[in-house]
Protein backbone atom coordinates (compact mmCIF):
# COMPACT_ATOMS: atom_id res chain seq x y z
CA ARG A 1 -4.99 57.69 -7.88
CA SER A 2 -3.62 55.33 -5.14
CA GLY A 3 -4.13 52.02 -6.84
CA GLU A 4 -7.76 52.80 -7.92
CA LYS A 5 -8.96 50.74 -11.08
CA ILE A 6 -10.31 52.93 -13.44
CA VAL A 7 -11.36 50.00 -15.75
CA SER A 8 -11.71 46.30 -15.47
CA GLU A 9 -9.81 43.80 -17.38
CA GLU A 10 -13.08 43.28 -19.50
CA GLU A 11 -13.41 46.98 -20.18
CA ASN A 12 -9.68 47.18 -21.46
CA ILE A 13 -10.63 44.69 -23.97
CA ILE A 14 -13.86 46.51 -25.08
CA LEU A 15 -11.51 49.77 -25.35
CA GLU A 16 -9.04 47.92 -27.39
CA ALA A 17 -12.04 46.79 -29.69
CA MET A 18 -13.09 50.24 -29.85
CA ILE A 19 -9.39 51.49 -31.03
CA ARG A 20 -9.27 48.96 -33.53
CA SER A 21 -12.99 49.40 -34.95
CA SER A 22 -11.81 52.60 -36.79
CA ASN A 23 -8.87 53.92 -38.67
CA LYS A 24 -9.65 57.31 -37.46
CA ILE A 25 -8.39 56.38 -34.11
CA THR A 26 -4.68 56.61 -34.25
CA ASP A 27 -3.69 58.21 -30.81
CA LEU A 28 -5.42 59.52 -27.64
CA ASP A 29 -6.77 62.61 -29.01
CA SER A 30 -8.54 60.81 -32.00
CA ALA A 31 -9.72 58.31 -29.46
CA ILE A 32 -11.49 60.91 -27.43
CA GLU A 33 -12.84 62.71 -30.26
CA PHE A 34 -14.40 59.30 -31.81
CA ALA A 35 -16.14 58.65 -28.44
CA LYS A 36 -17.62 62.06 -28.11
CA THR A 37 -18.61 62.48 -31.89
CA THR A 38 -20.25 59.14 -32.03
CA ALA A 39 -22.49 59.71 -28.86
CA ALA A 40 -23.21 63.37 -30.31
CA LYS A 41 -24.27 61.87 -33.48
CA GLY A 42 -27.25 60.02 -31.66
CA THR A 43 -28.60 56.53 -30.94
CA ASP A 44 -28.33 55.11 -34.21
CA SER A 45 -24.78 56.14 -34.67
CA LEU A 46 -23.87 54.80 -31.19
CA MET A 47 -25.80 51.53 -31.83
CA GLY A 48 -23.70 50.98 -35.20
CA ALA A 49 -20.54 51.68 -33.45
CA ALA A 50 -21.51 49.54 -30.44
CA ASN A 51 -22.13 46.32 -32.82
CA ASN A 52 -19.19 46.77 -34.58
CA ILE A 53 -16.98 47.00 -31.12
CA LYS A 54 -18.91 44.06 -29.98
CA GLY A 55 -17.90 42.01 -32.98
CA ILE A 56 -14.32 43.03 -32.58
CA ALA A 57 -14.40 42.59 -28.72
CA HIS A 58 -15.78 39.04 -29.17
CA GLU A 59 -12.68 38.35 -31.41
CA LEU A 60 -10.42 39.46 -28.66
CA ILE A 61 -12.38 37.83 -25.63
CA TYR A 62 -12.05 34.36 -27.81
CA ILE A 63 -8.41 35.10 -28.62
CA LYS A 64 -7.43 35.88 -24.63
CA THR A 65 -9.48 32.85 -23.51
CA GLU A 66 -7.82 30.51 -26.26
CA ASN A 67 -4.30 31.73 -25.33
CA GLU A 68 -4.94 31.26 -21.63
CA ASP A 69 -6.81 27.82 -21.52
CA GLY A 70 -3.34 25.81 -21.14
CA ASP A 71 -3.60 23.77 -24.21
CA SER A 72 -1.17 23.78 -27.17
CA VAL A 73 -3.38 25.80 -29.48
CA PHE A 74 -2.89 29.81 -29.55
CA ALA A 75 -5.01 32.38 -31.35
CA PHE A 76 -3.97 35.44 -33.33
CA MET A 77 -5.67 38.24 -34.85
CA PRO A 78 -4.34 39.87 -38.13
CA GLU A 79 -3.39 43.55 -37.55
CA ASP A 80 -5.78 44.51 -40.38
CA THR A 81 -9.28 44.23 -39.19
CA ASN A 82 -10.78 43.86 -42.83
CA HIS A 83 -10.79 40.05 -43.35
CA PRO A 84 -14.48 39.14 -44.57
CA GLN A 85 -14.16 35.63 -44.59
CA PHE A 86 -12.01 34.75 -41.60
CA ASP A 87 -11.11 36.69 -38.16
CA VAL A 88 -8.73 34.69 -36.15
CA LEU A 89 -5.72 32.25 -36.98
CA THR A 90 -5.24 29.45 -34.64
CA VAL A 91 -1.95 27.71 -34.20
CA ASN A 92 -1.21 24.58 -32.69
CA ASN A 93 2.07 24.44 -31.23
CA THR A 94 2.46 20.64 -31.03
CA THR A 95 1.22 19.61 -34.42
CA GLY A 96 2.02 22.83 -36.25
CA GLU A 97 -1.35 22.85 -37.74
CA GLN A 98 -2.69 26.23 -38.82
CA LYS A 99 -6.34 27.22 -39.13
CA TRP A 100 -8.52 30.32 -39.79
CA GLU A 101 -11.62 30.87 -37.95
CA GLN A 102 -14.49 33.07 -38.36
CA LEU A 103 -16.28 34.21 -35.33
CA LYS A 104 -19.77 35.74 -34.91
CA THR A 105 -21.78 37.20 -32.54
CA THR A 106 -25.32 38.22 -33.03
CA THR A 107 -29.04 37.33 -32.10
CA ASN A 108 -30.12 37.21 -35.57
CA SER A 109 -29.34 33.84 -37.55
CA ASP A 110 -29.82 35.81 -40.89
CA HIS A 111 -26.46 37.41 -40.43
CA ILE A 112 -24.80 33.94 -39.99
CA ASN A 113 -26.69 32.47 -42.89
CA SER A 114 -25.78 35.30 -45.21
CA TRP A 115 -22.06 34.66 -44.01
CA ILE A 116 -22.60 30.74 -44.92
CA GLU A 117 -24.33 31.82 -48.51
CA LYS A 118 -21.27 34.05 -49.45
CA TYR A 119 -18.65 31.45 -48.41
CA PRO A 120 -20.05 28.05 -49.05
CA GLY A 121 -17.79 25.24 -47.67
CA SER A 122 -16.51 27.34 -45.04
CA GLU A 123 -18.96 26.32 -42.30
CA GLY A 124 -16.43 24.29 -40.51
CA SER A 125 -14.39 27.48 -39.60
CA LEU A 126 -17.29 29.05 -38.16
CA LYS A 127 -17.80 29.81 -34.55
CA VAL A 128 -20.57 31.61 -32.96
CA ASN A 129 -21.82 33.14 -29.60
CA ILE A 130 -23.41 30.84 -27.01
CA GLU A 131 -26.98 31.67 -28.00
CA MET A 132 -26.40 31.12 -31.80
CA ALA A 133 -24.59 27.84 -30.84
CA ASP A 134 -27.34 26.47 -28.88
CA LYS A 135 -29.87 27.64 -31.63
CA LEU A 136 -28.13 26.75 -34.69
CA GLY A 137 -25.53 23.82 -33.69
CA PHE A 138 -22.48 25.36 -34.69
CA LYS A 139 -19.21 25.43 -32.40
CA SER A 140 -19.41 28.07 -29.60
CA THR A 141 -16.87 30.73 -28.87
CA GLY A 142 -18.09 30.58 -25.29
CA VAL A 143 -19.23 34.09 -25.38
CA SER A 144 -22.68 35.39 -24.74
CA ASP A 145 -23.99 37.64 -27.23
CA LYS A 146 -26.32 39.30 -24.47
CA GLU A 147 -23.59 39.71 -21.94
CA LEU A 148 -21.16 41.27 -24.23
CA SER A 149 -23.75 43.77 -25.82
CA ILE A 150 -24.62 44.90 -22.24
CA ASP A 151 -20.71 44.93 -21.40
CA VAL A 152 -19.98 47.04 -24.58
CA ASN A 153 -23.03 49.52 -24.07
CA ASN A 154 -22.06 49.95 -20.47
CA PHE A 155 -18.66 50.89 -21.13
CA LEU A 156 -19.41 53.26 -23.81
CA ASP A 157 -21.69 55.02 -21.43
CA LYS A 158 -18.94 54.91 -18.84
CA LEU A 159 -16.56 56.18 -21.58
CA ILE A 160 -18.78 58.96 -22.71
CA GLN A 161 -18.88 60.36 -19.25
CA MET A 162 -15.33 60.14 -18.36
CA GLU A 163 -12.90 63.15 -18.34
CA GLU A 164 -10.20 63.24 -21.05
CA ASN A 165 -7.53 62.65 -18.36
CA ALA A 166 -8.93 59.46 -17.27
CA LEU A 167 -9.21 57.94 -20.77
CA THR A 168 -5.43 59.02 -21.24
CA GLN A 169 -4.81 56.78 -18.10
CA ILE A 170 -6.72 53.88 -19.41
CA ILE A 171 -5.24 53.99 -22.89
CA GLU A 172 -1.60 54.51 -21.54
CA THR A 173 -2.21 51.46 -18.89
CA SER A 174 -3.95 48.97 -21.19
CA PRO A 175 -2.24 45.76 -21.95
CA PRO A 176 -0.96 45.05 -25.41
CA LEU A 177 -3.04 42.08 -27.21
CA THR A 178 -1.61 39.26 -29.39
CA ILE A 179 -1.89 41.01 -32.88
CA ILE A 180 0.14 39.50 -35.98
CA ALA A 181 0.78 41.34 -39.12
CA ALA A 182 -0.60 40.46 -42.31
C-alpha cells in the first residue's frame, strides 16, 4: 500500500487492548472472529466490549506515557490481565522503588468508590482519568475518559468495516508493548 498508514499509533494501542481483553483472541483468525461476533451480538455486547477495551487501553496509554516522559520511573503491565487490586507496576530506576498502581477510567464515581470500599487503605495507589481526578481529587493518569471512549468507539467501528486482509496487516505491524510476566 505504498506507505499508507492503515491505523494510527493511538489505534494500535486500542487494537492491543482489544487483543488483551479476551483469552479467546490468540491469533489473527480469532481476533477477526471476536470483532465480527461482538458487533453481530448488538449494542449491549459491543458497549461491554468497548468499556473493557477502554480500561485496558487506559492502562496501555498510561504505561506508554510514563515510559516516554524522560524521568527515571518506568511502568509495566503484568502479562496476566486479571489483577483486581492493581493494574500497573512502576519502578524507579534511580531508587529501585517499586509500586503497584490501580488505574480507573470512568464517568461514574460509584465505580471508583466501590473499588475503594473493596480495597480499603489502597487509595494512595489509585490514579484516575482527568475528569474523575478533577471531580474527586485523586491523582490523574492524564487520560481523558471522554476522548478515550470516542477513540475506542471510532476504532471499533473502523475495525468492523475493515476487510480481513487489512486487519492482518495491522496486527503484523503493531509494535510490541512493555509487558511483564507474573
